[in-house]
C-alpha atoms as a PDB file:
ATOM      1  CA  MET A   1      -6.099   9.761  -9.534  1.00  0.00           C
ATOM      2  CA  TYR A   2      -6.049   7.194 -12.279  1.00  0.00           C
ATOM      3  CA  VAL A   3      -5.869   3.468 -12.973  1.00  0.00           C
ATOM      4  CA  GLY A   4      -2.421   1.894 -13.033  1.00  0.00           C
ATOM      5  CA  THR A   5      -0.695  -1.482 -12.910  1.00  0.00           C
ATOM      6  CA  GLN A   6       2.477  -3.096 -11.605  1.00  0.00           C
ATOM      7  CA  VAL A   7       2.054  -6.388 -13.469  1.00  0.00           C
ATOM      8  CA  GLY A   8       5.223  -7.481 -15.205  1.00  0.00           C
ATOM      9  CA  ALA A   9       4.733  -7.364 -18.971  1.00  0.00           C
ATOM     10  CA  ARG A  10       5.064 -10.848 -20.452  1.00  0.00           C
ATOM     11  CA  SER A  11       5.789  -9.412 -23.912  1.00  0.00           C
ATOM     12  CA  ASP A  12       5.486  -6.103 -25.716  1.00  0.00           C
ATOM     13  CA  SER A  13       1.903  -6.989 -26.604  1.00  0.00           C
ATOM     14  CA  ASP A  14       1.008  -6.423 -22.948  1.00  0.00           C
ATOM     15  CA  PHE A  15       2.106  -2.787 -23.320  1.00  0.00           C
ATOM     16  CA  GLU A  16      -0.140  -2.477 -26.358  1.00  0.00           C
ATOM     17  CA  GLN A  17      -3.034  -4.063 -24.495  1.00  0.00           C
ATOM     18  CA  TRP A  18      -2.652  -1.798 -21.464  1.00  0.00           C
ATOM     19  CA  ALA A  19      -2.714   1.282 -23.679  1.00  0.00           C
ATOM     20  CA  GLN A  20      -5.784  -0.047 -25.470  1.00  0.00           C
ATOM     21  CA  LEU A  21      -7.505  -0.637 -22.098  1.00  0.00           C
ATOM     22  CA  GLY A  22      -6.629   2.869 -20.929  1.00  0.00           C
ATOM     23  CA  VAL A  23      -3.995   1.750 -18.422  1.00  0.00           C
ATOM     24  CA  VAL A  24      -1.405   4.356 -19.337  1.00  0.00           C
ATOM     25  CA  ASN A  25       0.452   4.772 -16.043  1.00  0.00           C
ATOM     26  CA  VAL A  26       2.510   1.912 -14.630  1.00  0.00           C
ATOM     27  CA  CYS A  27       5.137   0.662 -12.230  1.00  0.00           C
ATOM     28  CA  SER A  28       7.495  -1.322 -14.451  1.00  0.00           C
ATOM     29  CA  ASP A  29      11.149  -2.313 -14.164  1.00  0.00           C
ATOM     30  CA  PRO A  30      13.952  -2.621 -16.694  1.00  0.00           C
ATOM     31  CA  ALA A  31      15.363  -6.107 -17.099  1.00  0.00           C
ATOM     32  CA  GLY A  32      18.128  -7.342 -14.835  1.00  0.00           C
ATOM     33  CA  ASN A  33      19.248  -6.958 -11.250  1.00  0.00           C
ATOM     34  CA  PRO A  34      18.298  -3.469  -9.998  1.00  0.00           C
ATOM     35  CA  HIS A  35      21.683  -3.149  -8.299  1.00  0.00           C
ATOM     36  CA  GLU A  36      23.178  -3.272 -11.808  1.00  0.00           C
ATOM     37  CA  TRP A  37      20.824  -0.776 -13.477  1.00  0.00           C
ATOM     38  CA  THR A  38      22.392   2.200 -15.205  1.00  0.00           C
ATOM     39  CA  LYS A  39      20.862   5.555 -15.982  1.00  0.00           C
ATOM     40  CA  ASP A  40      20.722   4.510 -19.632  1.00  0.00           C
ATOM     41  CA  ASP A  41      18.789   1.342 -18.682  1.00  0.00           C
ATOM     42  CA  LEU A  42      16.155   3.415 -16.909  1.00  0.00           C
ATOM     43  CA  ALA A  43      15.994   6.016 -19.662  1.00  0.00           C
ATOM     44  CA  ARG A  44      15.609   3.388 -22.420  1.00  0.00           C
ATOM     45  CA  HIS A  45      12.873   1.611 -20.452  1.00  0.00           C
ATOM     46  CA  LYS A  46      11.006   4.864 -19.939  1.00  0.00           C
ATOM     47  CA  GLU A  47      11.333   5.738 -23.613  1.00  0.00           C
ATOM     48  CA  LYS A  48      10.042   2.301 -24.635  1.00  0.00           C
ATOM     49  CA  LEU A  49       6.940   2.663 -22.476  1.00  0.00           C
ATOM     50  CA  ASN A  50       6.421   6.180 -23.790  1.00  0.00           C
ATOM     51  CA  SER A  51       6.407   4.800 -27.336  1.00  0.00           C
ATOM     52  CA  TYR A  52       3.233   2.893 -26.417  1.00  0.00           C
ATOM     53  CA  GLY A  53       1.652   5.966 -24.867  1.00  0.00           C
ATOM     54  CA  ILE A  54       2.404   4.802 -21.323  1.00  0.00           C
ATOM     55  CA  GLU A  55       3.993   6.838 -18.526  1.00  0.00           C
ATOM     56  CA  LEU A  56       6.502   5.194 -16.175  1.00  0.00           C
ATOM     57  CA  ASP A  57       5.297   6.438 -12.786  1.00  0.00           C
ATOM     58  CA  MET A  58       7.379   4.162 -10.581  1.00  0.00           C
ATOM     59  CA  VAL A  59       9.966   1.375 -10.350  1.00  0.00           C
ATOM     60  CA  GLN A  60      10.634  -1.216  -7.616  1.00  0.00           C
ATOM     61  CA  ILE A  61      13.947  -0.774  -5.850  1.00  0.00           C
ATOM     62  CA  PRO A  62      15.666  -3.992  -4.670  1.00  0.00           C
ATOM     63  CA  LEU A  63      13.711  -4.319  -1.415  1.00  0.00           C
ATOM     64  CA  SER A  64      10.772  -6.565  -2.245  1.00  0.00           C
ATOM     65  CA  SER A  65       8.053  -8.525  -0.450  1.00  0.00           C
ATOM     66  CA  THR A  66      10.033 -11.772  -0.564  1.00  0.00           C
ATOM     67  CA  PRO A  67      11.572 -13.307   2.589  1.00  0.00           C
ATOM     68  CA  LEU A  68      15.129 -12.218   3.289  1.00  0.00           C
ATOM     69  CA  GLU A  69      16.333 -15.623   2.107  1.00  0.00           C
ATOM     70  CA  LYS A  70      15.381 -14.541  -1.441  1.00  0.00           C
ATOM     71  CA  SER A  71      16.000 -10.803  -1.160  1.00  0.00           C
ATOM     72  CA  GLN A  72      18.313  -8.870  -3.476  1.00  0.00           C
ATOM     73  CA  SER A  73      19.240  -6.660  -0.497  1.00  0.00           C
ATOM     74  CA  PRO A  74      19.022  -8.861   2.605  1.00  0.00           C
ATOM     75  CA  ASN A  75      21.536  -7.007   4.730  1.00  0.00           C
ATOM     76  CA  ILE A  76      19.459  -3.829   5.115  1.00  0.00           C
ATOM     77  CA  MET A  77      16.940  -5.662   7.293  1.00  0.00           C
ATOM     78  CA  LEU A  78      19.577  -8.018   8.727  1.00  0.00           C
ATOM     79  CA  GLY A  79      21.490  -4.977   9.939  1.00  0.00           C
ATOM     80  CA  LYS A  80      24.746  -6.518   8.740  1.00  0.00           C
ATOM     81  CA  ASN A  81      27.605  -4.182   7.831  1.00  0.00           C
ATOM     82  CA  PRO A  82      29.534  -3.436   5.681  1.00  0.00           C
ATOM     83  CA  GLU A  83      27.157  -5.192   3.274  1.00  0.00           C
ATOM     84  CA  ARG A  84      24.211  -3.082   4.483  1.00  0.00           C
ATOM     85  CA  ASP A  85      25.952   0.185   3.645  1.00  0.00           C
ATOM     86  CA  ARG A  86      26.811  -1.078   0.167  1.00  0.00           C
ATOM     87  CA  GLU A  87      23.161  -2.036  -0.450  1.00  0.00           C
ATOM     88  CA  ILE A  88      21.956   1.345   0.838  1.00  0.00           C
ATOM     89  CA  GLU A  89      24.457   3.149  -1.398  1.00  0.00           C
ATOM     90  CA  SER A  90      23.068   1.205  -4.363  1.00  0.00           C
ATOM     91  CA  VAL A  91      19.503   2.196  -3.438  1.00  0.00           C
ATOM     92  CA  GLN A  92      20.563   5.828  -3.140  1.00  0.00           C
ATOM     93  CA  ASN A  93      22.112   5.627  -6.592  1.00  0.00           C
ATOM     94  CA  ILE A  94      18.949   4.124  -8.131  1.00  0.00           C
ATOM     95  CA  ILE A  95      16.888   6.946  -6.633  1.00  0.00           C
ATOM     96  CA  ARG A  96      19.280   9.570  -8.009  1.00  0.00           C
ATOM     97  CA  MET A  97      19.138   7.974 -11.457  1.00  0.00           C
ATOM     98  CA  CYS A  98      15.327   7.949 -11.348  1.00  0.00           C
ATOM     99  CA  GLY A  99      15.399  11.665 -10.614  1.00  0.00           C
ATOM    100  CA  ASP A 100      17.809  12.274 -13.485  1.00  0.00           C
ATOM    101  CA  VAL A 101      15.601  10.510 -16.068  1.00  0.00           C
ATOM    102  CA  GLY A 102      12.247  11.761 -14.778  1.00  0.00           C
ATOM    103  CA  ILE A 103      10.828   8.732 -12.942  1.00  0.00           C
ATOM    104  CA  PRO A 104       8.914  10.380 -10.072  1.00  0.00           C
ATOM    105  CA  ALA A 105       8.606   7.528  -7.545  1.00  0.00           C
ATOM    106  CA  VAL A 106       9.972   4.202  -6.328  1.00  0.00           C
ATOM    107  CA  LYS A 107       8.296   1.516  -4.250  1.00  0.00           C
ATOM    108  CA  TYR A 108       9.833  -0.872  -1.744  1.00  0.00           C
ATOM    109  CA  ASN A 109       9.246  -3.155   1.253  1.00  0.00           C
ATOM    110  CA  MET A 110      10.995  -3.452   4.619  1.00  0.00           C
ATOM    111  CA  ASN A 111      10.261  -7.156   4.896  1.00  0.00           C
ATOM    112  CA  ILE A 112      11.846  -9.981   6.870  1.00  0.00           C
ATOM    113  CA  ILE A 113       9.524 -13.000   6.589  1.00  0.00           C
ATOM    114  CA  GLY A 114       7.710 -12.292   3.307  1.00  0.00           C
ATOM    115  CA  ILE A 115       3.945 -12.775   2.876  1.00  0.00           C
ATOM    116  CA  PRO A 116       2.701 -15.698   4.975  1.00  0.00           C
ATOM    117  CA  ARG A 117      -0.451 -17.434   3.729  1.00  0.00           C
ATOM    118  CA  SER A 118      -2.395 -20.588   4.497  1.00  0.00           C
ATOM    119  CA  GLU A 119      -3.635 -22.887   1.701  1.00  0.00           C
ATOM    120  CA  ARG A 120      -5.497 -21.281  -1.187  1.00  0.00           C
ATOM    121  CA  GLU A 121      -9.286 -21.655  -1.099  1.00  0.00           C
ATOM    122  CA  LEU A 122     -12.053 -21.648  -3.689  1.00  0.00           C
ATOM    123  CA  GLY A 123     -13.701 -18.344  -4.411  1.00  0.00           C
ATOM    124  CA  ARG A 124     -16.404 -17.121  -6.743  1.00  0.00           C
ATOM    125  CA  GLY A 125     -17.199 -19.603  -9.485  1.00  0.00           C
ATOM    126  CA  GLY A 126     -14.411 -21.904  -8.384  1.00  0.00           C
ATOM    127  CA  SER A 127     -11.582 -19.361  -8.612  1.00  0.00           C
ATOM    128  CA  SER A 128      -8.489 -20.089  -6.508  1.00  0.00           C
ATOM    129  CA  ASN A 129      -7.925 -17.330  -3.965  1.00  0.00           C
ATOM    130  CA  SER A 130      -5.011 -16.399  -1.709  1.00  0.00           C
ATOM    131  CA  THR A 131      -6.059 -16.924   1.915  1.00  0.00           C
ATOM    132  CA  PHE A 132      -4.784 -16.378   5.448  1.00  0.00           C
ATOM    133  CA  ARG A 133      -6.383 -18.328   8.284  1.00  0.00           C
ATOM    134  CA  TRP A 134      -4.325 -17.924  11.434  1.00  0.00           C
ATOM    135  CA  ALA A 135      -5.950 -21.019  12.908  1.00  0.00           C
ATOM    136  CA  LYS A 136      -4.513 -23.049  10.011  1.00  0.00           C
ATOM    137  CA  MET A 137      -0.981 -21.642  10.170  1.00  0.00           C
ATOM    138  CA  ASP A 138       1.997 -23.244  11.868  1.00  0.00           C
ATOM    139  CA  GLN A 139       1.944 -20.772  14.735  1.00  0.00           C
ATOM    140  CA  ASP A 140       5.271 -22.109  16.008  1.00  0.00           C
ATOM    141  CA  ALA A 141       7.092 -21.755  12.688  1.00  0.00           C
ATOM    142  CA  PRO A 142      10.803 -21.140  13.351  1.00  0.00           C
ATOM    143  CA  PRO A 143      12.581 -17.877  12.504  1.00  0.00           C
ATOM    144  CA  GLY A 144      14.337 -17.516   9.162  1.00  0.00           C
ATOM    145  CA  ILE A 145      17.861 -16.254   8.546  1.00  0.00           C
ATOM    146  CA  ALA A 146      17.202 -13.070  10.546  1.00  0.00           C
ATOM    147  CA  GLY A 147      16.632 -15.082  13.716  1.00  0.00           C
ATOM    148  CA  VAL A 148      14.721 -13.414  16.525  1.00  0.00           C
ATOM    149  CA  VAL A 149      14.582  -9.645  15.980  1.00  0.00           C
ATOM    150  CA  GLY A 150      13.414  -7.483  18.878  1.00  0.00           C
ATOM    151  CA  VAL A 151      11.049  -4.559  18.345  1.00  0.00           C
ATOM    152  CA  ASP A 152      13.619  -1.867  19.158  1.00  0.00           C
ATOM    153  CA  GLU A 153      16.262  -3.528  17.011  1.00  0.00           C
ATOM    154  CA  ASN A 154      13.814  -3.766  14.123  1.00  0.00           C
ATOM    155  CA  TRP A 155      12.923  -0.066  14.391  1.00  0.00           C
ATOM    156  CA  ASP A 156      16.624   0.783  14.565  1.00  0.00           C
ATOM    157  CA  ARG A 157      17.249  -1.016  11.263  1.00  0.00           C
ATOM    158  CA  ILE A 158      14.376   0.834   9.619  1.00  0.00           C
ATOM    159  CA  ASP A 159      15.609   4.130  11.050  1.00  0.00           C
ATOM    160  CA  TYR A 160      19.160   3.450   9.815  1.00  0.00           C
ATOM    161  CA  PHE A 161      17.820   2.985   6.285  1.00  0.00           C
ATOM    162  CA  LEU A 162      15.512   6.014   6.307  1.00  0.00           C
ATOM    163  CA  GLU A 163      18.163   8.303   7.782  1.00  0.00           C
ATOM    164  CA  ARG A 164      20.388   7.635   4.777  1.00  0.00           C
ATOM    165  CA  VAL A 165      17.897   7.233   1.946  1.00  0.00           C
ATOM    166  CA  VAL A 166      15.227   9.882   2.586  1.00  0.00           C
ATOM    167  CA  PRO A 167      17.748  12.728   2.005  1.00  0.00           C
ATOM    168  CA  ALA A 168      18.694  11.137  -1.331  1.00  0.00           C
ATOM    169  CA  ALA A 169      15.010  11.033  -2.292  1.00  0.00           C
ATOM    170  CA  GLU A 170      14.549  14.673  -1.280  1.00  0.00           C
ATOM    171  CA  SER A 171      17.555  15.723  -3.322  1.00  0.00           C
ATOM    172  CA  ALA A 172      16.357  13.773  -6.380  1.00  0.00           C
ATOM    173  CA  LYS A 173      12.695  14.780  -5.826  1.00  0.00           C
ATOM    174  CA  VAL A 174      11.650  11.115  -6.043  1.00  0.00           C
ATOM    175  CA  ARG A 175       8.857   9.822  -3.800  1.00  0.00           C
ATOM    176  CA  MET A 176       9.598   6.668  -1.780  1.00  0.00           C
ATOM    177  CA  ALA A 177       6.497   4.492  -1.342  1.00  0.00           C
ATOM    178  CA  CYS A 178       6.827   1.738   1.287  1.00  0.00           C
ATOM    179  CA  HIS A 179       4.431  -1.226   1.343  1.00  0.00           C
ATOM    180  CA  PRO A 180       3.027  -2.270   4.743  1.00  0.00           C
ATOM    181  CA  HIS A 181       3.701  -5.750   6.112  1.00  0.00           C
ATOM    182  CA  ASP A 182       1.280  -8.301   4.645  1.00  0.00           C
ATOM    183  CA  PRO A 183      -0.496  -9.589   6.686  1.00  0.00           C
ATOM    184  CA  PHE A 184      -0.694  -8.615  10.339  1.00  0.00           C
ATOM    185  CA  THR A 185       0.583 -11.496  12.491  1.00  0.00           C
ATOM    186  CA  PRO A 186       0.741 -11.804  16.279  1.00  0.00           C
ATOM    187  CA  ASP A 187       3.895 -10.449  17.901  1.00  0.00           C
ATOM    188  CA  GLY A 188       6.886 -12.756  17.640  1.00  0.00           C
ATOM    189  CA  TYR A 189       5.633 -14.913  14.758  1.00  0.00           C
ATOM    190  CA  MET A 190       8.709 -16.440  13.103  1.00  0.00           C
ATOM    191  CA  GLY A 191      10.826 -14.416  15.519  1.00  0.00           C
ATOM    192  CA  VAL A 192       9.562 -11.029  14.336  1.00  0.00           C
ATOM    193  CA  THR A 193       7.006  -8.415  15.359  1.00  0.00           C
ATOM    194  CA  ARG A 194       5.758  -6.949  12.068  1.00  0.00           C
ATOM    195  CA  LEU A 195       6.113  -3.245  12.794  1.00  0.00           C
ATOM    196  CA  LEU A 196       4.375  -2.102   9.612  1.00  0.00           C
ATOM    197  CA  GLY A 197       1.618  -4.684  10.092  1.00  0.00           C
ATOM    198  CA  THR A 198      -0.471  -2.315  12.219  1.00  0.00           C
ATOM    199  CA  VAL A 199      -1.950   1.104  11.533  1.00  0.00           C
ATOM    200  CA  GLU A 200      -0.110   2.562  14.535  1.00  0.00           C
ATOM    201  CA  GLY A 201       3.167   1.187  13.229  1.00  0.00           C
ATOM    202  CA  MET A 202       2.523   2.715   9.816  1.00  0.00           C
ATOM    203  CA  LYS A 203       1.788   6.079  11.449  1.00  0.00           C
ATOM    204  CA  LYS A 204       5.063   5.955  13.362  1.00  0.00           C
ATOM    205  CA  PHE A 205       6.930   4.986  10.201  1.00  0.00           C
ATOM    206  CA  VAL A 206       5.774   7.935   8.063  1.00  0.00           C
ATOM    207  CA  GLN A 207       6.620  10.369  10.854  1.00  0.00           C
ATOM    208  CA  MET A 208      10.211   9.134  11.096  1.00  0.00           C
ATOM    209  CA  HIS A 209      12.522  11.415   9.077  1.00  0.00           C
ATOM    210  CA  GLU A 210       9.402  13.262   7.946  1.00  0.00           C
ATOM    211  CA  SER A 211       9.567  14.393   4.330  1.00  0.00           C
ATOM    212  CA  PRO A 212       7.150  14.998   1.437  1.00  0.00           C
ATOM    213  CA  TYR A 213       9.154  12.302  -0.379  1.00  0.00           C
ATOM    214  CA  HIS A 214       8.706   9.650   2.355  1.00  0.00           C
ATOM    215  CA  GLY A 215       5.342   7.867   2.378  1.00  0.00           C
ATOM    216  CA  LEU A 216       3.442   4.710   1.556  1.00  0.00           C
ATOM    217  CA  ASN A 217       2.637   2.304  -1.197  1.00  0.00           C
ATOM    218  CA  PHE A 218      -0.763   2.119   0.501  1.00  0.00           C
ATOM    219  CA  CYS A 219      -1.908  -1.447  -0.037  1.00  0.00           C
ATOM    220  CA  GLN A 220      -5.583  -1.205   0.837  1.00  0.00           C
ATOM    221  CA  GLY A 221      -5.801  -4.978   0.889  1.00  0.00           C
ATOM    222  CA  THR A 222      -2.977  -5.268   3.411  1.00  0.00           C
ATOM    223  CA  VAL A 223      -4.342  -2.462   5.567  1.00  0.00           C
ATOM    224  CA  THR A 224      -7.784  -4.069   5.713  1.00  0.00           C
ATOM    225  CA  GLU A 225      -6.041  -7.283   6.816  1.00  0.00           C
ATOM    226  CA  MET A 226      -5.001  -5.373   9.963  1.00  0.00           C
ATOM    227  CA  LEU A 227      -8.544  -4.379  10.953  1.00  0.00           C
ATOM    228  CA  ASP A 228     -11.225  -6.034  13.053  1.00  0.00           C
ATOM    229  CA  ASP A 229     -14.025  -4.423  11.030  1.00  0.00           C
ATOM    230  CA  PRO A 230     -12.401  -3.344   7.765  1.00  0.00           C
ATOM    231  CA  GLY A 231     -15.604  -2.151   6.098  1.00  0.00           C
ATOM    232  CA  GLU A 232     -16.159   0.391   8.878  1.00  0.00           C
ATOM    233  CA  GLU A 233     -12.549   1.267   9.726  1.00  0.00           C
ATOM    234  CA  ILE A 234     -10.788   1.677   6.369  1.00  0.00           C
ATOM    235  CA  ALA A 235     -12.166   5.126   5.537  1.00  0.00           C
ATOM    236  CA  ASP A 236     -10.637   6.770   8.614  1.00  0.00           C
ATOM    237  CA  VAL A 237      -7.290   5.074   7.945  1.00  0.00           C
ATOM    238  CA  ILE A 238      -7.269   6.467   4.392  1.00  0.00           C
ATOM    239  CA  ARG A 239      -8.159   9.896   5.753  1.00  0.00           C
ATOM    240  CA  TRP A 240      -5.307   9.880   8.297  1.00  0.00           C
ATOM    241  CA  PHE A 241      -2.624   9.113   5.721  1.00  0.00           C
ATOM    242  CA  GLY A 242      -4.295  10.864   2.794  1.00  0.00           C
ATOM    243  CA  THR A 243      -4.764  14.239   4.483  1.00  0.00           C
ATOM    244  CA  ARG A 244      -1.072  14.159   5.408  1.00  0.00           C
ATOM    245  CA  GLU A 245      -0.160  13.414   1.766  1.00  0.00           C
ATOM    246  CA  LYS A 246       1.549  10.153   2.720  1.00  0.00           C
ATOM    247  CA  ILE A 247      -0.120   7.964   0.070  1.00  0.00           C
ATOM    248  CA  PHE A 248       2.023   7.741  -3.079  1.00  0.00           C
ATOM    249  CA  ASN A 249       0.415   4.653  -4.661  1.00  0.00           C
ATOM    250  CA  VAL A 250      -2.650   2.533  -3.891  1.00  0.00           C
ATOM    251  CA  HIS A 251      -2.981  -1.229  -4.235  1.00  0.00           C
ATOM    252  CA  PHE A 252      -6.733  -1.126  -4.713  1.00  0.00           C
ATOM    253  CA  ARG A 253      -7.791  -4.644  -3.799  1.00  0.00           C
ATOM    254  CA  ASN A 254     -10.385  -6.269  -1.579  1.00  0.00           C
ATOM    255  CA  ILE A 255     -10.655  -9.078   0.969  1.00  0.00           C
ATOM    256  CA  ARG A 256     -13.496 -11.082   2.429  1.00  0.00           C
ATOM    257  CA  GLY A 257     -12.969 -11.248   6.163  1.00  0.00           C
ATOM    258  CA  HIS A 258     -10.873  -9.369   8.701  1.00  0.00           C
ATOM    259  CA  LYS A 259      -7.682  -9.505  10.759  1.00  0.00           C
ATOM    260  CA  LEU A 260      -6.181 -13.011  10.979  1.00  0.00           C
ATOM    261  CA  ASP A 261      -9.016 -14.564   8.940  1.00  0.00           C
ATOM    262  CA  PHE A 262      -9.485 -13.476   5.326  1.00  0.00           C
ATOM    263  CA  MET A 263      -9.534 -14.425   1.652  1.00  0.00           C
ATOM    264  CA  GLU A 264      -8.380 -12.106  -1.120  1.00  0.00           C
ATOM    265  CA  SER A 265     -11.210 -11.353  -3.533  1.00  0.00           C
ATOM    266  CA  PHE A 266     -12.226  -9.436  -6.615  1.00  0.00           C
ATOM    267  CA  PRO A 267     -12.966  -5.759  -5.915  1.00  0.00           C
ATOM    268  CA  ASP A 268     -16.746  -6.086  -6.245  1.00  0.00           C
ATOM    269  CA  GLU A 269     -17.262  -8.955  -3.783  1.00  0.00           C
ATOM    270  CA  GLY A 270     -15.302  -8.251  -0.621  1.00  0.00           C
ATOM    271  CA  SER A 271     -15.774  -6.671   2.783  1.00  0.00           C
ATOM    272  CA  ILE A 272     -14.920  -3.183   1.496  1.00  0.00           C
ATOM    273  CA  ASP A 273     -17.427  -1.111  -0.478  1.00  0.00           C
ATOM    274  CA  PHE A 274     -15.261   0.249  -3.274  1.00  0.00           C
ATOM    275  CA  VAL A 275     -17.923   2.741  -4.363  1.00  0.00           C
ATOM    276  CA  LYS A 276     -17.652   4.426  -0.962  1.00  0.00           C
ATOM    277  CA  THR A 277     -13.925   3.973  -0.614  1.00  0.00           C
ATOM    278  CA  ILE A 278     -12.914   5.621  -3.889  1.00  0.00           C
ATOM    279  CA  LYS A 279     -14.824   8.718  -2.793  1.00  0.00           C
ATOM    280  CA  VAL A 280     -12.626   8.892   0.312  1.00  0.00           C
ATOM    281  CA  TYR A 281      -9.474   8.932  -1.841  1.00  0.00           C
ATOM    282  CA  GLN A 282     -11.047  11.748  -3.849  1.00  0.00           C
ATOM    283  CA  GLU A 283     -12.001  13.567  -0.641  1.00  0.00           C
ATOM    284  CA  VAL A 284      -8.381  13.597   0.612  1.00  0.00           C
ATOM    285  CA  GLY A 285      -7.031  14.737  -2.748  1.00  0.00           C
ATOM    286  CA  TYR A 286      -5.166  11.559  -3.665  1.00  0.00           C
ATOM    287  CA  LYS A 287      -3.604  12.073  -7.103  1.00  0.00           C
ATOM    288  CA  TYR A 288      -1.652   8.986  -8.170  1.00  0.00           C
ATOM    289  CA  MET A 289      -2.298   5.393  -9.359  1.00  0.00           C
ATOM    290  CA  LEU A 290      -5.011   2.986  -8.198  1.00  0.00           C
ATOM    291  CA  MET A 291      -3.857  -0.494  -9.140  1.00  0.00           C
ATOM    292  CA  PRO A 292      -4.904  -4.105  -8.570  1.00  0.00           C
ATOM    293  CA  ASP A 293      -1.796  -5.832  -7.240  1.00  0.00           C
ATOM    294  CA  HIS A 294      -3.203  -9.353  -6.691  1.00  0.00           C
ATOM    295  CA  VAL A 295      -6.087 -11.146  -8.403  1.00  0.00           C
ATOM    296  CA  PRO A 296      -7.749 -14.537  -7.871  1.00  0.00           C
ATOM    297  CA  HIS A 297      -6.598 -17.324 -10.184  1.00  0.00           C
ATOM    298  CA  ILE A 298      -9.336 -17.988 -12.729  1.00  0.00           C
ATOM    299  CA  SER A 299      -9.946 -20.302 -15.701  1.00  0.00           C
ATOM    300  CA  GLY A 300      -9.371 -19.700 -19.404  1.00  0.00           C
ATOM    301  CA  ASP A 301      -6.634 -19.226 -21.963  1.00  0.00           C
ATOM    302  CA  ASP A 302      -5.230 -16.076 -20.300  1.00  0.00           C
ATOM    303  CA  PRO A 303      -6.288 -16.238 -16.649  1.00  0.00           C
ATOM    304  CA  GLN A 304      -4.006 -13.493 -15.370  1.00  0.00           C
ATOM    305  CA  GLY A 305      -4.664 -11.085 -18.219  1.00  0.00           C
ATOM    306  CA  THR A 306      -8.427 -11.593 -18.002  1.00  0.00           C
ATOM    307  CA  ALA A 307      -8.607 -11.175 -14.221  1.00  0.00           C
ATOM    308  CA  PHE A 308      -6.522  -8.014 -14.276  1.00  0.00           C
ATOM    309  CA  ALA A 309      -8.510  -6.606 -17.207  1.00  0.00           C
ATOM    310  CA  PHE A 310     -11.676  -7.065 -15.145  1.00  0.00           C
ATOM    311  CA  CYS A 311     -10.090  -5.067 -12.320  1.00  0.00           C
ATOM    312  CA  TYR A 312      -8.821  -2.306 -14.633  1.00  0.00           C
ATOM    313  CA  GLY A 313     -12.298  -1.901 -16.074  1.00  0.00           C
ATOM    314  CA  TYR A 314     -13.906  -1.910 -12.627  1.00  0.00           C
ATOM    315  CA  ILE A 315     -11.532   0.795 -11.355  1.00  0.00           C
ATOM    316  CA  THR A 316     -11.962   2.849 -14.525  1.00  0.00           C
ATOM    317  CA  ALA A 317     -15.751   2.768 -14.128  1.00  0.00           C
ATOM    318  CA  LEU A 318     -15.490   3.851 -10.485  1.00  0.00           C
ATOM    319  CA  LEU A 319     -13.241   6.752 -11.463  1.00  0.00           C
ATOM    320  CA  GLN A 320     -15.664   7.787 -14.180  1.00  0.00           C
ATOM    321  CA  SER A 321     -18.580   7.624 -11.738  1.00  0.00           C
ATOM    322  CA  ILE A 322     -16.949  10.235  -9.470  1.00  0.00           C
ATOM    323  CA  GLY A 323     -15.903  12.513 -12.312  1.00  0.00           C
ATOM    324  CA  GLU A 324     -12.178  11.845 -12.380  1.00  0.00           C
ATOM    325  CA  PRO A 325     -10.733  12.729 -15.811  1.00  0.00           C
ATOM    326  CA  ARG A 326      -9.775   9.787 -18.013  1.00  0.00           C
ATOM    327  CA  LYS A 327      -6.190   9.545 -19.230  1.00  0.00           C
ATOM    328  CA  GLN A 328      -5.629   8.615 -22.870  1.00  0.00           C
ATOM    329  CA  ALA A 329      -2.678   6.926 -24.527  1.00  0.00           C
ATOM    330  CA  TRP A 330      -0.692   9.102 -26.908  1.00  0.00           C
ATOM    331  CA  VAL A 331       0.575   6.337 -29.156  1.00  0.00           C
ATOM    332  CA  THR A 332       3.713   6.769 -31.270  1.00  0.00           C
ATOM    333  CA  LYS A 333       4.145   3.062 -32.070  1.00  0.00           C
ATOM    334  CA  GLY A 334       1.729   1.160 -34.295  1.00  0.00           C
ATOM    335  CA  PRO A 335       0.359  -2.306 -33.392  1.00  0.00           C
END
């Protein structure tokens, strides 16, 4: 396993900086609407990253964490045909193109209501941290454009998608990594029961249309948000999915708190002991990226870059401490 990132590069200098920091495996997308990507777009993007010594491990297909109101493929989770079939056909095509150009994985979400949060709160040193306090949420918030979606209907929509897309992934030999629902919310919130917002739901999901190419973008932060005692429970959750080879990417982030009451935090200050946790990933033979997907907002001239650099260095040190080999950039482009 190795450090990675999914941060969108603000300019080409970010690619240079990642290579200099030893972050040489990434999830990164070509410009434009994914539904309009061509094989040449993907190949050129991969070649550009390679010129900085960076490997393109993954791209995001047009099923993101945003609410359906802002989704590039809303009809898949709305269950609305014929638009749904057209969106699925586009996803199948992206996966085939990834296989053709040598991109080994894609990530995606099966989201309806996005990522609910309460107001941000102050963290370490006055940082501004993403927070979810159920007691502070509008617990009677109305449904969005999907309306009220029953549990069986929701599973049927997920099944409809997997039945058609997993075979395309198998044929292309491209791993599909699905992000869990962030965060867990009580059943029926905004008209939806978040099926992938529980560990049991995630287990059911990976066993539907079982395939070595169907697994998880295992967001450790999101999973700990499902648990009553995340510090004690997370290791066994990693073991269940890891021993079954269902973890294709890890969002290696921390929280302070537990289910329905937490603040996102830096990796060294939360409820999860990362020193212990990284050893569990090694124990189960996990072999892909560990990446920080969210960071607290901090001060300075480059708050995002600085906060992520801290996390890259922290993860790199943990990997070194357990003897994982360090990847090096093989640069073909000068600064």
